[in-house]
Amino acid sequence: MNIGFFTDSYFPGIDGVTYTIQAWRERLEARGHDVYVVYPASSHEPDDGEIPVRSLPNPFYRQYRFPTYRRLSTLPDLDVVHCHGPASTGLMGLRYAKRYGATSVYTHHTPVEDYFVQGLKSERLAALAGRAYVAYENRFLNAFDCVTASTSRIRRDVKPYRLPVGIEMDRFRPRENAGADSLAADGGPNGDDRPVVGYSGRMTRKKNVDEILRLAARLPEARFELVGEGPVRAELEADAPANVRFHDFLPREELPDFYAALDVFVTASTCDTLGLSTLEANACGTPVAAADVAPFDETIGPENGARFALDDLDDMERAVRDCLDGDRDTRAAVERFSVEQTVDELESIYGVTG
């Protein structure tokens, strides 16, 4: 089967969408399918299955680019079009599916309106822009044969097929000696036996990384290691207490060591659809303290961490201490999110028969 992934987010940018596409592609190809990735052209050097589309820089977020145009007739003969974003590349995929009669699938990864409006200073203007965007995406999603989403976090006028993006359980697993070398990188202290609290992800307003900084100021007896990039990182670094260190996004192969080296992974994000990094940390044996909001109200519980009331610093501290004091088999709690199970379901959606 020929499958086309159409995405506005791809290498060299690093985020959950990029990693999901990579993991799905590898496993679908291992099952005998031909998978093509259509993405905005960048500094990334394409392989034989990657198809760049001419693009322009994004002045608001350097990790992403604006694709322009590519003739549909230049694309391969596809049986399935699977779109991973609602912007230009996703629209191209939908046009292809309608013109050539391919099965059309959309995976809702991110509530884009949470990022689309974050740079607007007027709350009224931000609310209007957000409503306009959601109205557009509702029309867009209703044009697909199937829409999938990891959890009920999606707030759209479609009933999605619930399909977690999946954890690479073979990659993300506990490591015996991950700690010292992983967290001593970039000049960090060797032999520091303080508990380590960490985070990995984009640094944007809705991720609420500033709440982690407030927590760090209350817990000088702990080290905080924060991995990620984004439009508010410089502001966060300027306000960080002395026990916090920032790191650029790590290569995929280094993330398991990072997660396994943590004593607790913490997030106060209100814009995740699954929170892939939290489940990857769990797969590496690390408990997660997460805000008691969607999707974490469905994915994080006593067996793999603790939840805290959003904007309640006392409760956030309580949840982190609970994770530090507990003994949990966090990996067992997230085996249901294995990417192999996800790809089994993907094949069913695509119409693959035994």
Protein backbone atom coordinates (compact mmCIF):
# COMPACT_ATOMS: atom_id res chain seq x y z
CA MET A 1 0.00 0.00 0.00
CA ASN A 2 1.26 3.52 -0.84
CA ILE A 3 0.73 5.90 2.08
CA GLY A 4 1.39 9.64 2.07
CA PHE A 5 2.01 11.56 5.30
CA PHE A 6 1.40 15.30 4.80
CA THR A 7 2.84 17.44 7.59
CA ASP A 8 3.68 21.07 8.29
CA SER A 9 6.00 20.01 11.12
CA TYR A 10 9.12 18.02 10.27
CA PHE A 11 12.87 17.76 10.64
CA PRO A 12 15.10 19.54 11.47
CA GLY A 13 12.42 20.73 13.87
CA ILE A 14 11.87 18.46 16.84
CA ASP A 15 8.46 17.86 18.39
CA GLY A 16 5.96 15.11 19.06
CA VAL A 17 4.48 15.28 15.55
CA THR A 18 7.88 14.78 13.91
CA TYR A 19 8.74 11.84 16.15
CA THR A 20 5.32 10.25 15.66
CA ILE A 21 5.63 10.41 11.88
CA GLN A 22 9.10 8.89 12.08
CA ALA A 23 7.97 6.03 14.34
CA TRP A 24 4.86 5.25 12.27
CA ARG A 25 6.78 5.39 9.02
CA GLU A 26 9.48 2.98 10.23
CA ARG A 27 6.94 0.43 11.41
CA LEU A 28 4.64 0.69 8.41
CA GLU A 29 7.60 0.24 6.07
CA ALA A 30 8.73 -2.78 8.11
CA ARG A 31 5.30 -4.27 7.36
CA GLY A 32 5.81 -3.85 3.62
CA HIS A 33 4.11 -0.51 2.93
CA ASP A 34 5.65 2.36 0.97
CA VAL A 35 5.43 5.55 3.02
CA TYR A 36 6.10 9.04 1.65
CA VAL A 37 6.42 12.18 3.78
CA VAL A 38 5.43 15.51 2.20
CA TYR A 39 6.78 18.43 4.26
CA PRO A 40 7.95 22.08 4.00
CA ALA A 41 11.44 22.24 2.47
CA SER A 42 14.14 23.14 4.99
CA SER A 43 17.77 22.35 5.75
CA HIS A 44 16.76 18.71 6.24
CA GLU A 45 18.26 16.48 3.54
CA PRO A 46 15.42 14.29 2.19
CA ASP A 47 15.71 10.55 1.69
CA ASP A 48 14.00 8.69 -1.14
CA GLY A 49 10.63 8.67 0.63
CA GLU A 50 10.65 12.33 1.70
CA ILE A 51 9.15 14.97 -0.59
CA PRO A 52 9.95 18.62 0.26
CA VAL A 53 7.61 21.43 -0.75
CA ARG A 54 9.03 24.90 -1.38
CA SER A 55 8.58 26.95 1.78
CA LEU A 56 9.16 30.33 3.43
CA PRO A 57 10.52 31.12 6.92
CA ASN A 58 8.03 31.55 9.76
CA PRO A 59 8.84 34.89 11.44
CA PHE A 60 6.94 33.92 14.59
CA TYR A 61 8.52 30.52 15.32
CA ARG A 62 11.78 29.62 13.63
CA GLN A 63 11.24 25.86 14.06
CA TYR A 64 8.36 25.91 11.55
CA ARG A 65 8.14 27.06 7.93
CA PHE A 66 5.30 28.05 5.61
CA PRO A 67 4.99 25.67 2.62
CA THR A 68 3.99 27.33 -0.64
CA TYR A 69 2.94 25.12 -3.56
CA ARG A 70 3.60 21.83 -5.35
CA ARG A 71 1.71 20.36 -8.30
CA LEU A 72 -0.37 17.37 -7.18
CA SER A 73 0.58 15.53 -10.37
CA THR A 74 4.21 15.42 -9.20
CA LEU A 75 3.31 13.33 -6.13
CA PRO A 76 3.39 9.51 -6.08
CA ASP A 77 0.29 7.39 -6.70
CA LEU A 78 -1.14 7.16 -3.16
CA ASP A 79 -3.74 4.77 -1.74
CA VAL A 80 -3.97 6.65 1.56
CA VAL A 81 -3.47 10.33 2.37
CA HIS A 82 -2.77 10.83 6.08
CA CYS A 83 -2.54 14.49 7.11
CA HIS A 84 -0.85 15.62 10.32
CA GLY A 85 -1.64 19.32 10.30
CA PRO A 86 -4.32 21.77 9.11
CA ALA A 87 -2.13 24.27 7.25
CA SER A 88 -0.88 24.36 3.66
CA THR A 89 0.62 20.87 3.49
CA GLY A 90 -2.47 19.32 5.03
CA LEU A 91 -4.66 21.17 2.54
CA MET A 92 -2.49 19.81 -0.27
CA GLY A 93 -3.03 16.29 1.03
CA LEU A 94 -6.78 16.76 1.25
CA ARG A 95 -6.90 18.13 -2.30
CA TYR A 96 -4.94 15.11 -3.50
CA ALA A 97 -7.33 12.68 -1.77
CA LYS A 98 -10.39 14.38 -3.27
CA ARG A 99 -8.93 14.57 -6.77
CA TYR A 100 -7.58 11.03 -6.97
CA GLY A 101 -10.01 9.17 -4.69
CA ALA A 102 -7.49 8.18 -2.01
CA THR A 103 -8.63 7.29 1.52
CA SER A 104 -8.22 10.43 3.65
CA VAL A 105 -7.19 10.30 7.32
CA TYR A 106 -6.35 13.16 9.67
CA THR A 107 -4.60 12.90 13.03
CA HIS A 108 -5.32 15.76 15.42
CA HIS A 109 -2.02 16.27 17.23
CA THR A 110 -2.26 19.78 18.63
CA PRO A 111 -4.91 22.41 19.49
CA VAL A 112 -3.25 24.87 17.12
CA GLU A 113 -5.33 27.80 18.33
CA ASP A 114 -3.44 27.69 21.63
CA TYR A 115 -0.27 28.63 19.73
CA PHE A 116 -1.86 30.64 16.92
CA VAL A 117 -3.07 33.34 19.29
CA GLN A 118 -0.31 33.36 21.90
CA GLY A 119 1.49 36.35 20.35
CA LEU A 120 -1.59 38.60 20.35
CA LYS A 121 -1.59 41.15 23.17
CA SER A 122 -5.33 41.83 23.09
CA GLU A 123 -7.35 39.13 24.87
CA ARG A 124 -10.42 40.07 22.83
CA LEU A 125 -8.52 39.80 19.55
CA ALA A 126 -6.99 36.51 20.68
CA ALA A 127 -10.42 35.09 21.49
CA LEU A 128 -11.82 36.16 18.10
CA ALA A 129 -8.84 34.71 16.25
CA GLY A 130 -9.15 31.46 18.19
CA ARG A 131 -12.85 31.08 17.36
CA ALA A 132 -12.19 31.84 13.69
CA TYR A 133 -9.46 29.23 13.56
CA VAL A 134 -11.58 26.54 15.25
CA ALA A 135 -14.42 27.23 12.79
CA TYR A 136 -11.99 26.77 9.91
CA GLU A 137 -10.57 23.54 11.32
CA ASN A 138 -14.04 22.10 11.92
CA ARG A 139 -14.80 22.48 8.20
CA PHE A 140 -11.41 21.03 7.34
CA LEU A 141 -11.78 17.95 9.58
CA ASN A 142 -15.26 17.15 8.34
CA ALA A 143 -13.84 16.64 4.84
CA PHE A 144 -11.84 13.55 5.90
CA ASP A 145 -12.93 9.93 5.85
CA CYS A 146 -11.52 9.42 9.37
CA VAL A 147 -10.17 11.72 12.09
CA THR A 148 -8.04 10.24 14.87
CA ALA A 149 -7.01 11.74 18.21
CA SER A 150 -5.01 10.43 21.13
CA THR A 151 -7.53 11.36 23.84
CA SER A 152 -10.75 13.31 24.31
CA ARG A 153 -8.66 16.52 24.44
CA ILE A 154 -9.81 17.38 20.91
CA ARG A 155 -12.45 20.14 20.96
CA ARG A 156 -13.93 19.89 17.49
CA ASP A 157 -17.27 19.13 15.84
CA VAL A 158 -16.21 15.63 14.82
CA LYS A 159 -16.22 12.36 16.69
CA PRO A 160 -12.62 11.16 16.44
CA TYR A 161 -11.39 7.60 16.34
CA ARG A 162 -9.42 7.35 19.56
CA LEU A 163 -5.88 6.35 18.60
CA PRO A 164 -2.89 7.16 20.84
CA VAL A 165 0.15 8.16 18.77
CA GLY A 166 2.06 5.43 20.60
CA ILE A 167 5.25 4.98 22.60
CA GLU A 168 8.30 3.24 21.20
CA MET A 169 8.55 0.82 24.11
CA ASP A 170 11.67 -0.80 22.67
CA ARG A 171 13.46 2.57 22.68
CA PHE A 172 12.07 4.01 25.91
CA ARG A 173 12.93 1.67 28.77
CA PRO A 174 14.64 1.90 32.17
CA ARG A 175 18.43 2.34 32.09
CA GLU A 176 20.70 1.14 34.88
CA ASN A 177 23.30 3.94 34.78
CA ALA A 178 21.60 6.75 32.93
CA GLY A 179 21.91 9.47 35.52
CA ALA A 180 25.41 10.80 35.98
CA ASP A 181 26.58 11.05 32.38
CA SER A 182 23.25 12.22 30.96
CA LEU A 183 22.64 15.07 33.37
CA ALA A 184 26.27 16.14 33.74
CA ALA A 185 26.23 17.28 30.10
CA ASP A 186 26.65 20.97 29.29
CA GLY A 187 28.77 21.58 32.35
CA GLY A 188 26.42 20.13 34.94
CA PRO A 189 27.71 18.81 38.25
CA ASN A 190 29.01 15.27 38.58
CA GLY A 191 28.39 13.61 41.91
CA ASP A 192 25.39 15.83 42.71
CA ASP A 193 23.03 13.55 44.62
CA ARG A 194 20.09 15.95 44.88
CA PRO A 195 16.81 14.62 43.46
CA VAL A 196 16.35 15.61 39.83
CA VAL A 197 13.10 17.04 38.47
CA GLY A 198 12.86 17.43 34.70
CA TYR A 199 10.81 18.54 31.73
CA SER A 200 11.13 18.10 27.96
CA GLY A 201 9.00 19.90 25.41
CA ARG A 202 8.26 23.14 23.63
CA MET A 203 8.59 26.33 25.62
CA THR A 204 5.45 28.32 24.87
CA ARG A 205 2.91 30.14 27.03
CA LYS A 206 0.45 27.27 27.22
CA LYS A 207 3.16 24.85 28.39
CA ASN A 208 3.36 26.89 31.63
CA VAL A 209 7.05 26.20 32.19
CA ASP A 210 7.08 29.29 34.41
CA GLU A 211 5.13 27.22 36.96
CA ILE A 212 8.06 24.79 37.07
CA LEU A 213 10.38 27.73 37.82
CA ARG A 214 8.13 28.80 40.69
CA LEU A 215 8.31 25.26 42.03
CA ALA A 216 12.10 25.20 41.69
CA ALA A 217 12.36 28.34 43.82
CA ARG A 218 10.52 26.48 46.58
CA LEU A 219 12.65 23.34 46.27
CA PRO A 220 16.31 24.42 46.43
CA GLU A 221 17.14 20.89 47.60
CA ALA A 222 16.30 19.59 44.09
CA ARG A 223 17.89 20.08 40.66
CA PHE A 224 15.69 21.04 37.73
CA GLU A 225 16.73 20.06 34.19
CA LEU A 226 14.55 21.59 31.47
CA VAL A 227 14.91 20.52 27.84
CA GLY A 228 13.34 22.38 24.95
CA GLU A 229 13.16 25.47 22.80
CA GLY A 230 10.49 27.98 21.89
CA PRO A 231 9.47 31.64 21.86
CA VAL A 232 9.46 32.14 25.65
CA ARG A 233 12.67 30.30 26.52
CA ALA A 234 14.85 33.43 26.81
CA GLU A 235 12.32 34.99 29.16
CA LEU A 236 12.20 31.81 31.24
CA GLU A 237 15.98 31.58 31.48
CA ALA A 238 16.17 35.18 32.67
CA ASP A 239 13.78 34.39 35.54
CA ALA A 240 15.17 30.98 36.51
CA PRO A 241 16.51 30.29 40.02
CA ALA A 242 20.02 28.92 40.48
CA ASN A 243 18.94 25.26 40.71
CA VAL A 244 17.49 25.25 37.16
CA ARG A 245 19.42 24.44 33.98
CA PHE A 246 18.14 24.69 30.42
CA HIS A 247 19.13 22.44 27.51
CA ASP A 248 18.33 22.58 23.80
CA PHE A 249 16.18 19.80 22.37
CA LEU A 250 18.00 16.49 22.67
CA PRO A 251 18.48 14.05 19.80
CA ARG A 252 15.90 11.28 19.92
CA GLU A 253 18.50 8.67 20.86
CA GLU A 254 19.50 10.67 23.97
CA LEU A 255 16.01 11.12 25.39
CA PRO A 256 15.73 7.67 27.06
CA ASP A 257 18.86 8.36 29.12
CA PHE A 258 17.51 11.78 30.06
CA TYR A 259 14.12 10.46 31.16
CA ALA A 260 15.65 7.53 33.05
CA ALA A 261 18.02 9.89 34.88
CA LEU A 262 15.14 11.92 36.34
CA ASP A 263 13.52 11.22 39.66
CA VAL A 264 10.34 13.02 38.54
CA PHE A 265 9.09 14.43 35.23
CA VAL A 266 6.83 17.46 35.76
CA THR A 267 4.48 19.37 33.48
CA ALA A 268 1.87 22.07 33.96
CA SER A 269 0.89 22.17 30.28
CA THR A 270 -2.70 22.90 29.31
CA CYS A 271 -2.31 22.33 25.55
CA ASP A 272 -1.25 18.69 25.13
CA THR A 273 -3.39 16.16 23.29
CA LEU A 274 -1.58 13.13 24.73
CA GLY A 275 1.57 14.37 26.42
CA LEU A 276 3.89 11.92 24.65
CA SER A 277 6.93 12.98 26.67
CA THR A 278 5.16 12.13 29.93
CA LEU A 279 4.41 8.60 28.75
CA GLU A 280 7.93 8.16 27.38
CA ALA A 281 9.26 9.14 30.82
CA ASN A 282 6.93 6.57 32.38
CA ALA A 283 8.22 3.91 29.97
CA CYS A 284 11.73 4.71 31.23
CA GLY A 285 10.64 4.12 34.82
CA THR A 286 10.14 7.76 35.85
CA PRO A 287 6.95 8.93 37.60
CA VAL A 288 5.16 12.03 36.30
CA ALA A 289 3.63 14.95 38.19
CA ALA A 290 1.12 16.61 35.87
CA ALA A 291 -1.59 19.25 36.07
CA ASP A 292 -5.06 17.79 36.59
CA VAL A 293 -6.29 18.78 33.14
CA ALA A 294 -6.90 16.93 29.89
CA PRO A 295 -5.22 14.75 28.71
CA PHE A 296 -3.41 13.97 31.95
CA ASP A 297 -6.68 13.27 33.75
CA GLU A 298 -6.87 10.23 31.43
CA THR A 299 -3.21 9.19 31.32
CA ILE A 300 -1.62 10.01 34.70
CA GLY A 301 -2.78 8.41 37.95
CA PRO A 302 -1.48 6.83 41.16
CA GLU A 303 0.08 3.93 39.25
CA ASN A 304 2.40 6.16 37.18
CA GLY A 305 2.57 9.49 39.02
CA ALA A 306 0.40 12.15 40.61
CA ARG A 307 -1.79 15.04 39.44
CA PHE A 308 -2.01 18.51 40.94
CA ALA A 309 -4.52 21.35 40.72
CA LEU A 310 -3.52 23.84 38.03
CA ASP A 311 -2.14 27.14 39.40
CA ASP A 312 -1.87 25.66 42.90
CA LEU A 313 1.83 25.70 43.80
CA ASP A 314 1.27 23.94 47.12
CA ASP A 315 -0.49 21.07 45.38
CA MET A 316 2.17 20.96 42.67
CA GLU A 317 4.85 20.56 45.33
CA ARG A 318 2.76 17.87 47.02
CA ALA A 319 2.49 15.92 43.76
CA VAL A 320 6.24 16.10 43.10
CA ARG A 321 7.05 14.96 46.63
CA ASP A 322 4.53 12.15 46.27
CA CYS A 323 6.37 10.99 43.14
CA LEU A 324 9.73 11.22 44.91
CA ASP A 325 8.49 9.16 47.85
CA GLY A 326 6.55 6.49 45.95
CA ASP A 327 7.60 3.24 44.29
CA ARG A 328 5.67 2.65 41.07
CA ASP A 329 5.92 0.31 38.09
CA THR A 330 5.36 3.20 35.71
CA ARG A 331 6.33 1.20 32.62
CA ALA A 332 3.57 -1.35 33.16
CA ALA A 333 1.06 1.50 33.45
CA VAL A 334 1.73 2.73 29.90
CA GLU A 335 2.18 -0.50 27.95
CA ARG A 336 -1.33 0.03 26.54
CA PHE A 337 0.10 2.98 24.59
CA SER A 338 2.63 0.88 22.64
CA VAL A 339 3.23 2.15 19.10
CA GLU A 340 2.96 -1.41 17.77
CA GLN A 341 -0.68 -1.53 18.89
CA THR A 342 -1.21 1.88 17.31
CA VAL A 343 0.16 0.71 13.95
CA ASP A 344 -2.09 -2.37 14.10
CA GLU A 345 -5.05 0.00 14.34
CA LEU A 346 -3.66 2.28 11.65
CA GLU A 347 -3.61 -0.60 9.19
CA SER A 348 -7.24 -1.31 10.04
CA ILE A 349 -8.16 2.33 9.40
CA TYR A 350 -6.28 2.29 6.10
CA GLY A 351 -8.21 -0.79 5.01
CA VAL A 352 -5.35 -3.27 5.08
CA THR A 353 -6.71 -6.83 5.10
CA GLY A 354 -4.99 -9.90 6.40
